[in-house]
Each structure stands twice: as C-alpha cells, then as structure tokens.
Amino acid sequence: MPNPELFNPLAYESISRSISSALMAEELVPLSEIQPFNGPGIYVLFYDGQFAPYADLAAQNTREPGSWPIYIGKAAPSTRKGKDIAPDDMSGQELYTRLRKHRQSIEQANNLEIEHFYARMLLLSYIWVPMAETAMIGLYQPLWNTYIDGFGNHDPGRGRINGVRSRWDTLHPGRPWVNKYPERSETADEIAQDATQHLSMGFVGVPRLA
C-alpha cells in the first residue's frame, strides 16, 4: 500500500479546487434574466446555442447544463488612487455591472443569441477575486479566455486605440466601438476553424466536478 500523501488545505491547488467546486455548485441563471445585486466576485458563462464552430461545447452544455465554460471573469472594486476598501465591503454592484456589460456585448453580436447564455456567480471578498479568477481559468481554459480573446474588452475611448481588432470581435462582429480598430489579417473563417479544432478536443484538461 502506498504511503498517504500529505494534504495541505492552503496549497494553491487545494484552494483552486475549493473555489472551483463552490462556483460550479452555484445556481445556473440565464444571463438575460440576471437582476441587480451587490458585491464583487467571479463568474462563469456557458453557451448552448447554434453557432456552428461551438457545436461540441454547446452539445455538452445541452446534455449537462452549465458544465463546459466558454468564459470566466472577475469583478472587484478599484483600489487605485489609494482608495480604502474593507475586505468585506459588499456595497457596490461590481459583479452585476460586469455581467450586464457582457450581456450587451452578446446582444450586439450579429451571430449570437442572448437566450443561449447562462451564468454561475460567486460572491467573494475582493482580496480573493484575482486569485480565484486565475485558478478557474487555469482549470478550465475557456475558449473566450484563451483561443478567442477580446470578449472582455471595453470601448477604449478617444485617443487610446492600439493594436488591431480582437479575434472575438472578428468572429462575432457587431459591437459599434470596435470599428475604431483596423481589421485583423486573419479572417473570421480562419478563427472559426481554430475554435472548432480546439473544442474538438472535448474535456481534455478540464476537471469534471460532482
């Protein structure tokens, strides 16, 4: 019989699994139906629609709703300019505001439907939020955090245009402010093929949580 392994509940891997289990156990809510609430935290989005390049991911989320993330993000109060924030401060609507902006981005895209998106949300003290997001992305490697970047981008405002149009905005055109950016050299079809190939690997590297 092999020797039992030492378990460290404060190890990064242990904390990552704990956060993942807590978040993935939260209620699955249609993104279009989320109402205002207070607090910072992390969230995960799921898709089960008809966009062909995402067929494998959508099929999995149809069989087991809320099982294969397409995007993971965070929202926390700004601590810039020396702003003093209590660790347990839940007075703001950071998490709700971020999800509302994501809902708007999806509604503006010309090949996505908001009714096919769902979310799980976990309120956390802002001091845990960055590590929680990093841990979740590392565990699940969601498509929109890795291969199709740009979903979480914001309107940069006047005089702050750098780079080119994101892969997400090339594949899902519609956000009006994106027209400020020059087009990419790769086409939407090429990005779609990349997404399909990546998703064809299924749950490789993704933990299946009870």
Protein backbone atom coordinates (compact mmCIF):
# COMPACT_ATOMS: atom_id res chain seq x y z
CA MET A 1 0.00 0.00 0.00
CA PRO A 2 1.44 3.42 -0.96
CA ASN A 3 2.01 6.00 1.73
CA PRO A 4 -0.85 8.51 2.04
CA GLU A 5 0.01 11.90 0.56
CA LEU A 6 0.23 14.98 2.71
CA PHE A 7 -2.77 17.26 2.14
CA ASN A 8 -2.19 20.98 2.52
CA PRO A 9 -5.54 22.82 2.54
CA LEU A 10 -3.75 26.13 1.96
CA ALA A 11 -1.82 24.94 -1.10
CA TYR A 12 -2.66 26.77 -4.33
CA GLU A 13 -4.07 23.60 -5.91
CA SER A 14 -6.31 22.93 -2.90
CA ILE A 15 -7.65 26.47 -2.86
CA SER A 16 -8.20 26.35 -6.62
CA ARG A 17 -10.28 23.19 -6.33
CA SER A 18 -12.23 24.62 -3.43
CA ILE A 19 -13.11 27.77 -5.36
CA SER A 20 -13.99 25.78 -8.47
CA SER A 21 -16.29 23.47 -6.53
CA ALA A 22 -18.04 26.41 -4.86
CA LEU A 23 -18.54 28.34 -8.10
CA MET A 24 -19.70 25.35 -10.14
CA ALA A 25 -22.21 24.47 -7.41
CA GLU A 26 -23.91 27.87 -7.69
CA GLU A 27 -27.28 28.21 -9.41
CA LEU A 28 -27.24 28.31 -13.21
CA VAL A 29 -29.02 31.52 -14.25
CA PRO A 30 -29.95 32.76 -17.76
CA LEU A 31 -27.70 35.74 -18.50
CA SER A 32 -30.68 37.68 -19.82
CA GLU A 33 -32.54 37.35 -16.51
CA ILE A 34 -29.89 38.46 -14.01
CA GLN A 35 -31.19 41.25 -11.79
CA PRO A 36 -29.13 43.89 -9.92
CA PHE A 37 -27.27 42.68 -6.82
CA ASN A 38 -24.35 43.85 -4.72
CA GLY A 39 -20.85 42.53 -4.31
CA PRO A 40 -17.61 41.64 -6.11
CA GLY A 41 -16.66 38.13 -7.17
CA ILE A 42 -16.08 35.75 -10.04
CA TYR A 43 -18.40 34.26 -12.63
CA VAL A 44 -18.50 31.69 -15.39
CA LEU A 45 -20.51 31.81 -18.63
CA PHE A 46 -21.90 28.86 -20.59
CA TYR A 47 -23.26 28.56 -24.13
CA ASP A 48 -25.70 26.07 -25.65
CA GLY A 49 -26.70 27.75 -28.94
CA GLN A 50 -26.46 27.04 -32.66
CA PHE A 51 -23.23 28.82 -33.67
CA ALA A 52 -21.62 26.05 -35.72
CA PRO A 53 -17.96 26.45 -34.62
CA TYR A 54 -19.09 25.96 -30.99
CA ALA A 55 -21.11 22.81 -31.69
CA ASP A 56 -19.12 20.49 -29.40
CA LEU A 57 -19.26 22.89 -26.47
CA ALA A 58 -22.96 23.63 -27.00
CA ALA A 59 -23.80 19.93 -27.23
CA GLN A 60 -22.06 19.25 -23.90
CA ASN A 61 -23.94 22.10 -22.22
CA THR A 62 -27.20 20.80 -23.67
CA ARG A 63 -26.54 17.33 -22.23
CA GLU A 64 -25.26 18.67 -18.91
CA PRO A 65 -26.29 22.32 -18.49
CA GLY A 66 -23.57 24.50 -17.05
CA SER A 67 -20.73 22.01 -17.36
CA TRP A 68 -18.34 23.41 -20.02
CA PRO A 69 -17.43 27.11 -19.54
CA ILE A 70 -16.95 29.40 -22.52
CA TYR A 71 -15.71 32.34 -20.43
CA ILE A 72 -14.59 33.05 -16.85
CA GLY A 73 -14.16 36.50 -15.39
CA LYS A 74 -13.95 38.63 -12.29
CA ALA A 75 -15.23 41.94 -10.98
CA ALA A 76 -13.86 43.82 -8.00
CA PRO A 77 -13.86 47.43 -6.77
CA SER A 78 -10.99 49.60 -7.94
CA THR A 79 -8.21 50.04 -5.41
CA ARG A 80 -6.40 52.70 -7.41
CA LYS A 81 -5.57 56.16 -6.03
CA GLY A 82 -5.26 54.79 -2.50
CA LYS A 83 -8.95 54.06 -2.13
CA ASP A 84 -9.55 52.35 1.22
CA ILE A 85 -11.89 49.35 0.83
CA ALA A 86 -12.84 46.98 3.64
CA PRO A 87 -12.28 43.29 2.73
CA ASP A 88 -15.95 42.51 3.42
CA ASP A 89 -17.35 45.53 1.55
CA MET A 90 -20.38 44.40 -0.50
CA SER A 91 -21.85 47.84 -1.15
CA GLY A 92 -21.04 48.06 -4.86
CA GLN A 93 -22.53 46.27 -7.85
CA GLU A 94 -19.24 45.29 -9.50
CA LEU A 95 -20.20 41.75 -10.44
CA TYR A 96 -23.66 42.65 -11.71
CA THR A 97 -22.27 45.57 -13.74
CA ARG A 98 -19.71 43.33 -15.44
CA LEU A 99 -22.35 40.75 -16.36
CA ARG A 100 -24.65 43.48 -17.67
CA LYS A 101 -21.87 44.69 -19.97
CA HIS A 102 -21.28 41.13 -21.19
CA ARG A 103 -24.99 40.79 -21.92
CA GLN A 104 -24.82 43.94 -24.03
CA SER A 105 -21.79 42.65 -25.98
CA ILE A 106 -23.58 39.39 -26.78
CA GLU A 107 -26.76 41.20 -27.78
CA GLN A 108 -24.78 43.41 -30.16
CA ALA A 109 -23.02 40.46 -31.85
CA ASN A 110 -24.76 39.55 -35.09
CA ASN A 111 -24.34 35.76 -34.79
CA LEU A 112 -25.07 35.08 -31.10
CA GLU A 113 -28.34 34.98 -29.16
CA ILE A 114 -28.51 36.02 -25.53
CA GLU A 115 -31.05 33.32 -24.66
CA HIS A 116 -28.33 30.69 -25.17
CA PHE A 117 -26.05 32.07 -22.44
CA TYR A 118 -26.09 31.16 -18.75
CA ALA A 119 -24.00 32.17 -15.75
CA ARG A 120 -22.88 30.97 -12.36
CA MET A 121 -21.75 33.66 -9.90
CA LEU A 122 -19.77 33.51 -6.66
CA LEU A 123 -19.51 36.50 -4.33
CA LEU A 124 -16.07 36.89 -2.78
CA SER A 125 -14.13 39.42 -0.80
CA TYR A 126 -12.18 41.47 -3.33
CA ILE A 127 -8.88 40.23 -1.88
CA TRP A 128 -9.67 36.70 -3.17
CA VAL A 129 -11.03 37.72 -6.57
CA PRO A 130 -7.81 37.87 -8.68
CA MET A 131 -6.53 34.51 -7.44
CA ALA A 132 -9.96 32.92 -7.86
CA GLU A 133 -10.20 34.02 -11.49
CA THR A 134 -6.66 32.85 -12.27
CA ALA A 135 -7.35 29.48 -10.66
CA MET A 136 -10.58 28.94 -12.57
CA ILE A 137 -9.10 29.90 -15.94
CA GLY A 138 -6.17 27.59 -15.28
CA LEU A 139 -8.50 24.68 -14.52
CA TYR A 140 -10.92 25.11 -17.41
CA GLN A 141 -9.03 27.01 -20.15
CA PRO A 142 -12.28 28.53 -21.50
CA LEU A 143 -12.41 29.27 -25.22
CA TRP A 144 -13.04 33.00 -24.86
CA ASN A 145 -10.23 33.40 -22.33
CA THR A 146 -7.67 31.61 -24.47
CA TYR A 147 -8.14 30.98 -28.20
CA ILE A 148 -10.81 33.60 -28.94
CA ASP A 149 -9.65 36.61 -26.94
CA GLY A 150 -11.28 40.03 -26.72
CA PHE A 151 -14.75 39.37 -25.30
CA GLY A 152 -13.96 41.24 -22.09
CA ASN A 153 -12.53 44.30 -23.88
CA HIS A 154 -14.08 47.72 -23.33
CA ASP A 155 -14.54 50.79 -25.50
CA PRO A 156 -11.06 52.37 -25.19
CA GLY A 157 -12.31 55.91 -25.66
CA ARG A 158 -10.89 58.62 -27.86
CA GLY A 159 -7.14 58.65 -28.42
CA ARG A 160 -6.47 55.24 -26.87
CA ILE A 161 -6.59 52.98 -29.92
CA ASN A 162 -3.76 50.45 -30.05
CA GLY A 163 -3.39 47.18 -31.94
CA VAL A 164 -5.99 45.58 -34.18
CA ARG A 165 -9.50 44.18 -33.85
CA SER A 166 -9.69 41.25 -31.42
CA ARG A 167 -10.33 37.67 -32.52
CA TRP A 168 -13.65 37.72 -30.67
CA ASP A 169 -14.85 40.85 -32.48
CA THR A 170 -13.68 39.45 -35.81
CA LEU A 171 -15.64 36.24 -35.25
CA HIS A 172 -18.63 37.98 -33.62
CA PRO A 173 -18.94 41.43 -35.24
CA GLY A 174 -21.48 43.93 -34.00
CA ARG A 175 -20.05 46.00 -31.15
CA PRO A 176 -20.07 49.50 -32.67
CA TRP A 177 -16.94 50.82 -30.97
CA VAL A 178 -14.83 48.03 -32.47
CA ASN A 179 -14.90 49.86 -35.81
CA LYS A 180 -12.23 52.15 -34.34
CA TYR A 181 -9.74 49.29 -34.75
CA PRO A 182 -8.21 48.13 -38.05
CA GLU A 183 -9.21 44.65 -39.18
CA ARG A 184 -7.04 41.63 -38.45
CA SER A 185 -5.05 39.83 -41.12
CA GLU A 186 -6.81 36.55 -40.28
CA THR A 187 -10.43 36.06 -41.30
CA ALA A 188 -13.48 35.07 -39.29
CA ASP A 189 -13.49 31.70 -41.10
CA GLU A 190 -9.90 31.02 -40.03
CA ILE A 191 -10.71 31.89 -36.42
CA ALA A 192 -13.82 29.70 -36.54
CA GLN A 193 -11.75 26.75 -37.78
CA ASP A 194 -9.31 27.29 -34.91
CA ALA A 195 -12.19 27.32 -32.41
CA THR A 196 -13.69 24.14 -33.85
CA GLN A 197 -10.36 22.33 -33.74
CA HIS A 198 -9.73 23.39 -30.15
CA LEU A 199 -13.19 22.35 -28.97
CA SER A 200 -12.96 19.02 -30.77
CA MET A 201 -10.52 18.00 -28.04
CA GLY A 202 -13.51 17.95 -25.69
CA PHE A 203 -12.83 17.90 -21.98
CA VAL A 204 -9.08 17.38 -22.22
CA GLY A 205 -7.59 19.01 -19.13
CA VAL A 206 -10.97 20.04 -17.73
CA PRO A 207 -11.91 18.69 -14.29
CA ARG A 208 -15.29 17.05 -14.04
CA LEU A 209 -16.81 18.17 -10.76
CA ALA A 210 -19.70 16.49 -8.96
